Protein backbone atom coordinates (compact mmCIF):
# COMPACT_ATOMS: atom_id res chain seq x y z
CA MET A 1 109.81 0.86 93.06
CA SER A 2 109.69 -1.68 95.88
CA SER A 3 108.31 -5.17 95.38
CA GLU A 4 105.56 -4.42 97.97
CA MET A 5 104.19 -1.47 95.96
CA LEU A 6 104.32 -3.29 92.60
CA PRO A 7 101.13 -5.46 93.02
CA ALA A 8 99.14 -2.46 94.19
CA PHE A 9 100.29 -0.41 91.19
CA ILE A 10 99.37 -3.23 88.76
CA GLU A 11 95.89 -3.60 90.35
CA THR A 12 95.26 0.16 90.10
CA SER A 13 96.27 0.15 86.43
CA ASN A 14 93.88 -2.72 85.69
CA VAL A 15 90.98 -0.87 87.36
CA ASP A 16 91.70 2.27 85.32
CA LYS A 17 91.77 0.25 82.11
CA LYS A 18 88.43 -1.41 82.93
CA GLN A 19 86.85 1.98 83.67
CA GLY A 20 88.16 3.34 80.38
CA ILE A 21 86.75 0.36 78.45
CA ASN A 22 83.34 0.71 80.15
CA GLU A 23 83.18 4.43 79.38
CA HIS A 24 84.10 3.72 75.75
CA GLN A 25 81.32 1.10 75.50
CA GLU A 26 78.76 3.50 77.01
CA GLU A 27 79.74 6.22 74.53
CA SER A 28 79.48 3.80 71.61
CA GLN A 29 76.04 2.63 72.78
CA LYS A 30 74.65 6.20 72.89
CA PRO A 31 72.74 7.10 69.72
CA ARG A 32 74.53 9.64 67.57
CA LEU A 33 72.84 12.89 66.62
CA GLY A 34 70.81 12.42 63.49
CA GLU A 35 70.99 8.60 63.62
CA GLY A 36 67.79 6.63 64.22
CA CYS A 37 65.61 9.78 64.25
CA GLU A 38 62.37 9.46 62.34
CA PRO A 39 61.36 12.38 60.09
CA ILE A 40 58.84 14.80 61.60
CA SER A 41 55.79 15.54 59.46
CA LYS A 42 53.86 18.81 59.37
CA ARG A 43 51.04 17.12 61.26
CA GLN A 44 53.39 16.00 64.03
CA MET A 45 54.85 19.51 64.17
CA LYS A 46 51.36 20.99 64.60
CA LYS A 47 50.64 18.49 67.37
CA LEU A 48 53.85 19.48 69.16
CA ILE A 49 52.97 23.18 68.85
CA LYS A 50 49.43 22.54 70.16
CA GLN A 51 50.82 20.49 73.05
CA LYS A 52 53.20 23.31 73.94
CA GLN A 53 50.36 25.87 73.85
CA TRP A 54 48.22 23.55 75.99
CA GLU A 55 51.00 23.33 78.60
CA GLU A 56 51.56 27.10 78.55
CA GLN A 57 47.85 27.76 79.19
CA ARG A 58 47.57 25.25 82.03
CA GLU A 59 47.73 27.94 84.74
CA LEU A 60 45.17 30.07 82.90
CA ARG A 61 42.68 27.19 82.79
CA LYS A 62 43.34 26.44 86.45
CA GLN A 63 42.67 30.08 87.36
CA LYS A 64 39.44 30.07 85.33
CA ARG A 65 38.20 26.96 87.15
CA LYS A 66 39.07 28.55 90.50
CA GLU A 67 37.10 31.68 89.61
CA LYS A 68 34.10 29.58 88.58
CA ARG A 69 34.22 27.62 91.86
CA LYS A 70 34.45 30.88 93.84
CA ARG A 71 31.47 32.28 91.95
CA LYS A 72 29.40 29.16 92.64
CA LYS A 73 30.46 29.20 96.29
CA LEU A 74 29.46 32.87 96.62
CA GLU A 75 26.07 32.12 95.05
CA ARG A 76 25.50 29.30 97.52
CA GLN A 77 26.47 31.54 100.44
CA CYS A 78 24.04 34.22 99.26
CA GLN A 79 21.29 31.63 99.04
CA MET A 80 22.10 30.38 102.54
CA GLU A 81 22.01 33.93 103.95
CA SER A 82 18.67 34.64 102.29
CA ASN A 83 17.05 31.86 104.37
CA SER A 84 16.92 32.11 108.16
CA ASP A 85 15.39 28.80 109.30
CA GLY A 86 16.44 25.15 109.05
CA ASN A 87 19.72 23.46 108.26
CA ASP A 88 22.17 25.26 105.90
CA ARG A 89 22.55 22.25 103.62
CA LYS A 90 18.78 21.84 103.33
CA ARG A 91 18.38 25.55 102.56
CA VAL A 92 20.76 25.26 99.60
CA ARG A 93 19.08 22.14 98.20
CA ARG A 94 15.65 23.73 98.56
CA ASP A 95 16.67 26.48 96.12
CA VAL A 96 17.62 23.92 93.47
CA VAL A 97 14.90 23.66 90.82
CA HIS A 98 15.10 20.42 88.83
CA SER A 99 14.56 20.85 85.12
CA THR A 100 12.25 18.50 83.24
CA LEU A 101 14.67 18.57 80.29
CA ARG A 102 16.18 15.15 79.58
CA LEU A 103 19.82 15.09 78.53
CA ILE A 104 21.12 11.80 77.12
CA ILE A 105 24.68 10.67 76.44
CA ASP A 106 24.49 8.06 73.70
CA CYS A 107 27.20 5.43 74.36
CA SER A 108 26.44 3.27 71.34
CA PHE A 109 29.80 4.04 69.65
CA ASP A 110 31.83 1.79 71.94
CA ASP A 111 33.23 -0.37 69.12
CA LEU A 112 34.54 2.69 67.21
CA MET A 113 36.91 3.81 69.98
CA VAL A 114 40.25 2.55 71.26
CA LEU A 115 40.80 2.14 75.01
CA LYS A 116 42.51 5.53 75.32
CA ASP A 117 39.43 7.28 73.92
CA ILE A 118 37.11 5.14 76.08
CA LYS A 119 38.99 6.43 79.14
CA LYS A 120 38.59 10.02 77.92
CA LEU A 121 34.85 9.49 77.48
CA HIS A 122 34.65 8.04 80.99
CA LYS A 123 36.28 11.19 82.42
CA GLN A 124 33.92 13.41 80.44
CA ILE A 125 30.93 11.48 81.82
CA GLN A 126 32.30 11.88 85.35
CA ARG A 127 32.55 15.63 84.76
CA CYS A 128 28.96 15.76 83.45
CA TYR A 129 27.69 13.89 86.51
CA ALA A 130 29.56 16.17 88.93
CA GLU A 131 28.39 19.37 87.21
CA ASN A 132 24.78 18.19 87.12
CA ARG A 133 24.86 17.42 90.86
CA ARG A 134 26.14 20.96 91.56
CA ALA A 135 23.84 22.78 89.12
CA LEU A 136 21.01 25.05 90.25
CA HIS A 137 18.81 23.57 87.51
CA PRO A 138 19.94 19.93 87.13
CA VAL A 139 18.61 17.99 84.16
CA GLN A 140 17.21 14.47 83.94
CA PHE A 141 20.50 12.75 83.11
CA TYR A 142 20.50 9.55 81.01
CA LEU A 143 23.38 7.28 80.03
CA THR A 144 22.17 4.85 77.35
CA SER A 145 23.71 1.84 75.54
CA HIS A 146 25.92 1.44 78.58
CA GLY A 147 28.13 -1.63 78.23
CA GLY A 148 31.22 -2.98 76.46
CA GLN A 149 34.58 -1.31 77.00
CA LEU A 150 33.07 1.70 78.78
CA LYS A 151 31.32 -0.37 81.46
CA LYS A 152 34.43 -2.51 81.93
CA ASN A 153 36.61 0.59 82.37
CA MET A 154 34.14 2.09 84.85
CA ASP A 155 34.01 -1.19 86.81
CA GLU A 156 37.80 -1.30 87.03
CA ASN A 157 38.59 2.37 87.69
CA ASP A 158 35.43 3.90 89.21
CA LYS A 159 33.50 1.25 91.15
CA GLY A 160 31.46 3.95 92.89
CA TRP A 161 29.47 4.65 89.73
CA VAL A 162 26.89 2.06 90.82
CA ASN A 163 25.98 4.42 93.69
CA TRP A 164 25.53 7.53 91.53
CA LYS A 165 22.33 9.45 92.25
CA ASP A 166 20.02 11.42 89.96
CA ILE A 167 21.12 9.55 86.86
CA HIS A 168 19.51 6.83 84.72
CA ILE A 169 22.17 4.38 83.47
CA LYS A 170 20.61 1.99 80.97
CA PRO A 171 22.00 -0.76 78.70
CA GLU A 172 19.17 -0.08 76.21
CA HIS A 173 19.40 2.29 73.25
CA TYR A 174 17.80 5.72 73.80
CA SER A 175 15.24 5.00 71.03
CA GLU A 176 13.85 2.16 73.18
CA LEU A 177 13.40 4.41 76.23
CA ILE A 178 12.02 7.68 74.86
CA LYS A 179 9.39 8.49 72.23
CA LYS A 180 10.79 9.44 68.82
CA GLU A 181 8.88 12.73 68.67
CA ASP A 182 10.53 13.87 71.95
CA LEU A 183 14.10 13.25 70.75
CA ILE A 184 16.48 15.89 69.35
CA TYR A 185 20.02 14.80 68.46
CA LEU A 186 22.64 17.52 69.01
CA THR A 187 25.17 17.34 66.19
CA SER A 188 27.39 20.02 64.65
CA ASP A 189 26.63 18.65 61.16
CA SER A 190 22.91 19.45 61.39
CA PRO A 191 21.65 22.35 59.24
CA ASN A 192 19.11 23.23 61.99
CA ILE A 193 20.19 25.88 64.51
CA LEU A 194 18.85 25.53 68.06
CA LYS A 195 17.42 28.87 69.20
CA GLU A 196 16.21 27.87 72.66
CA LEU A 197 15.77 24.73 74.74
CA ASP A 198 12.41 23.01 75.04
CA GLU A 199 12.34 21.41 78.50
CA SER A 200 9.72 18.89 77.39
CA LYS A 201 12.21 17.36 74.94
CA ALA A 202 15.07 14.87 75.31
CA TYR A 203 18.38 16.09 73.83
CA VAL A 204 20.95 13.48 72.78
CA ILE A 205 24.73 14.02 72.89
CA GLY A 206 26.87 11.54 70.95
CA GLY A 207 29.28 9.80 73.36
CA LEU A 208 32.09 9.60 70.82
CA VAL A 209 35.75 10.59 71.17
CA ASP A 210 37.07 10.02 67.64
CA HIS A 211 39.46 12.91 66.84
CA ASN A 212 37.43 13.67 63.71
CA HIS A 213 37.87 10.16 62.25
CA HIS A 214 34.11 9.63 61.83
CA LYS A 215 32.79 12.90 60.41
CA GLY A 216 29.01 13.22 60.19
CA LEU A 217 28.37 9.94 62.02
CA THR A 218 25.95 11.29 64.65
CA TYR A 219 24.06 13.29 62.01
CA LYS A 220 23.75 10.15 59.86
CA GLN A 221 22.50 8.12 62.83
CA ALA A 222 19.86 10.74 63.66
CA SER A 223 18.72 10.77 60.02
CA ASP A 224 18.64 6.96 59.85
CA TYR A 225 16.48 6.76 62.98
CA GLY A 226 14.22 9.50 61.64
CA ILE A 227 14.56 11.74 64.70
CA ASN A 228 14.93 15.52 64.86
CA HIS A 229 18.41 17.00 65.00
CA ALA A 230 19.98 20.42 65.59
CA GLN A 231 23.25 22.13 66.48
CA LEU A 232 23.94 24.63 69.24
CA PRO A 233 23.84 28.28 68.00
CA LEU A 234 27.61 28.56 68.35
CA GLY A 235 28.18 30.44 65.08
CA ASN A 236 25.61 33.11 66.03
CA PHE A 237 27.54 34.20 69.12
CA VAL A 238 31.10 32.90 68.87
CA LYS A 239 33.95 33.02 66.37
CA MET A 240 36.48 30.23 67.00
CA ASN A 241 39.94 29.42 65.66
CA SER A 242 39.25 25.69 65.77
CA ARG A 243 36.40 23.53 64.47
CA LYS A 244 32.94 23.71 66.08
CA VAL A 245 32.99 20.11 67.39
CA LEU A 246 32.91 20.18 71.21
CA ALA A 247 33.66 17.56 73.85
CA VAL A 248 30.73 15.74 75.49
CA ASN A 249 31.14 17.54 78.81
CA HIS A 250 31.37 20.97 77.14
CA VAL A 251 28.00 20.50 75.41
CA PHE A 252 26.51 19.19 78.67
CA GLU A 253 27.85 22.12 80.73
CA ILE A 254 26.76 24.71 78.14
CA ILE A 255 23.19 23.43 78.40
CA LEU A 256 23.32 23.55 82.23
CA GLU A 257 24.68 27.10 82.08
CA TYR A 258 21.98 28.18 79.61
CA LEU A 259 19.24 26.78 81.86
CA GLU A 260 20.64 28.98 84.64
CA THR A 261 21.32 32.21 82.70
CA ARG A 262 19.01 31.90 79.63
CA ASP A 263 21.84 33.56 77.67
CA TRP A 264 23.65 31.55 74.98
CA GLN A 265 26.63 33.89 74.70
CA GLU A 266 27.27 33.89 78.43
CA ALA A 267 26.91 30.09 78.49
CA PHE A 268 29.43 29.66 75.65
CA PHE A 269 32.06 31.98 77.10
CA THR A 270 31.71 30.55 80.60
CA ILE A 271 32.29 26.97 79.45
CA LEU A 272 34.42 27.02 76.28
CA PRO A 273 38.11 26.31 77.00
CA GLN A 274 40.73 28.99 76.31
CA ARG A 275 42.46 26.90 73.62
CA LYS A 276 39.39 27.23 71.35
CA GLY A 277 40.25 30.91 70.87
CA ALA A 278 36.59 31.96 71.19
CA VAL A 279 35.75 35.60 70.35
CA PRO A 280 32.28 37.24 70.34
CA THR A 281 30.93 37.63 66.79
CA ASP A 282 30.09 41.32 67.35
CA LYS A 283 33.76 42.03 68.15
CA THR A 284 34.91 40.28 64.98
CA CYS A 285 32.42 42.38 62.98
CA GLU A 286 33.74 45.58 64.58
CA SER A 287 37.29 44.51 63.78
CA ALA A 288 36.37 43.78 60.15
CA SER A 289 34.63 47.16 59.72
CA HIS A 290 37.61 48.93 61.31
CA ASP A 291 40.00 47.18 58.90
CA SER A 292 37.85 48.10 55.88
CA GLN A 293 37.74 51.77 57.00
CA SER A 294 41.52 51.77 57.35
CA VAL A 295 41.90 50.40 53.82
CA ARG A 296 39.54 53.06 52.42
CA MET A 297 41.51 55.84 54.18
CA GLU A 298 44.77 54.52 52.74
CA GLU A 299 43.24 54.47 49.24
CA CYS A 300 42.04 58.09 49.57
CA GLU A 301 45.46 59.25 50.72
CA SER A 302 47.17 57.36 47.91
CA ASP A 303 45.15 59.28 45.25
CA SER A 304 46.92 62.54 46.18
CA ASP A 305 50.29 61.52 44.82
CA SER A 306 51.31 58.82 42.34
CA SER A 307 54.58 58.14 44.16
CA GLU A 308 52.72 57.74 47.44
CA GLU A 309 50.35 55.34 45.66
CA GLU A 310 53.28 53.20 44.56
CA TYR A 311 54.69 53.29 48.11
CA SER A 312 51.27 52.33 49.55
CA ARG A 313 51.04 49.35 47.19
CA ASN A 314 54.47 48.16 48.26
CA GLU A 315 53.47 48.50 51.88
CA LEU A 316 50.28 46.49 51.31
CA ASP A 317 52.12 43.81 49.36
CA SER A 318 54.99 43.42 51.84
CA PRO A 319 52.98 41.47 54.47
CA ARG A 320 51.94 39.00 51.75
CA GLU A 321 55.56 38.64 50.65
CA GLU A 322 56.66 38.18 54.26
CA LYS A 323 53.96 35.54 54.75
CA GLN A 324 55.07 33.76 51.55
CA ASP A 325 58.71 33.91 52.72
CA LYS A 326 57.71 32.44 56.08
CA GLU A 327 55.78 29.62 54.37
CA ASN A 328 58.74 28.88 52.09
CA HIS A 329 61.07 28.94 55.09
CA THR A 330 58.79 26.54 57.01
CA GLU A 331 58.58 24.23 53.99
CA SER A 332 62.37 24.21 53.58
CA THR A 333 62.82 23.54 57.32
CA VAL A 334 60.49 20.54 57.13
CA ASN A 335 62.24 19.22 54.01
CA SER A 336 65.66 19.63 55.64
CA LEU A 337 64.73 17.36 58.54
CA PRO A 338 66.36 13.91 58.44
CA HIS A 339 64.34 11.21 56.63
């Protein structure tokens, strides 16, 4: 090797060594599999599964919203065509009949929520405002006890709220603005079932996003103030996989839909999100009766032969055993996760 090539060869070797050292350091800095991983609880697992289902149903929810917008647009076009004089926009607004019903969002739970939940409540209020402006029978919309974190968040992220129309935004508590005998607090913990809406009353929705941390709080507040309370007739028309507690905007939109259709079932199934797994109660009853008939038929057939009876019992027991095996497998999987 010539003396001219020697320095170049030495420099190349040094570069290769440095690259090798850097790669080794990067590999050593990467966390090894199983190291530093926190154990996953059953609750966290359920949250991950729910999150996955939520993501999978994103397109379905989007399609449902599109269909609703198309339906509303078609209704507006029909209304416009039914009138032949004046401006189109004025013709549409003329068909809107304002309801005398007062619908209040009680924002007095500000100190019970973290900022993340305050932001969620803000978005739900925005949705309520937008839906009320588009409704054929808009309500008298009140936002009471407005202040604290909520007002600060609205000032920072939605400065246009000061120009909102057809809404009463008040810092006072609703009990200071409306007579006690006119108030009805809507809470899922109330034993009273609401059969129909009285448009001379003021219905209160608790502005609380708490993820079930404060169970029965709105019911307790209504009882403490000595005002009437009731829950929507959800159980009379709908069977759900999840709990009956609804978001603020869902309750608001269900009431708007009921004022338009005067049909609770249609209102529920138009507004309730897909993830709630809502099914009409009459369908669940039909399914239950069908299952009971199937069981009776199996029992009659099993009486004809003792061996067939034994086989039928095994067949009936096998789903329970499979379910137990699945539960044991799930439990062992959770326990096998690194702690």
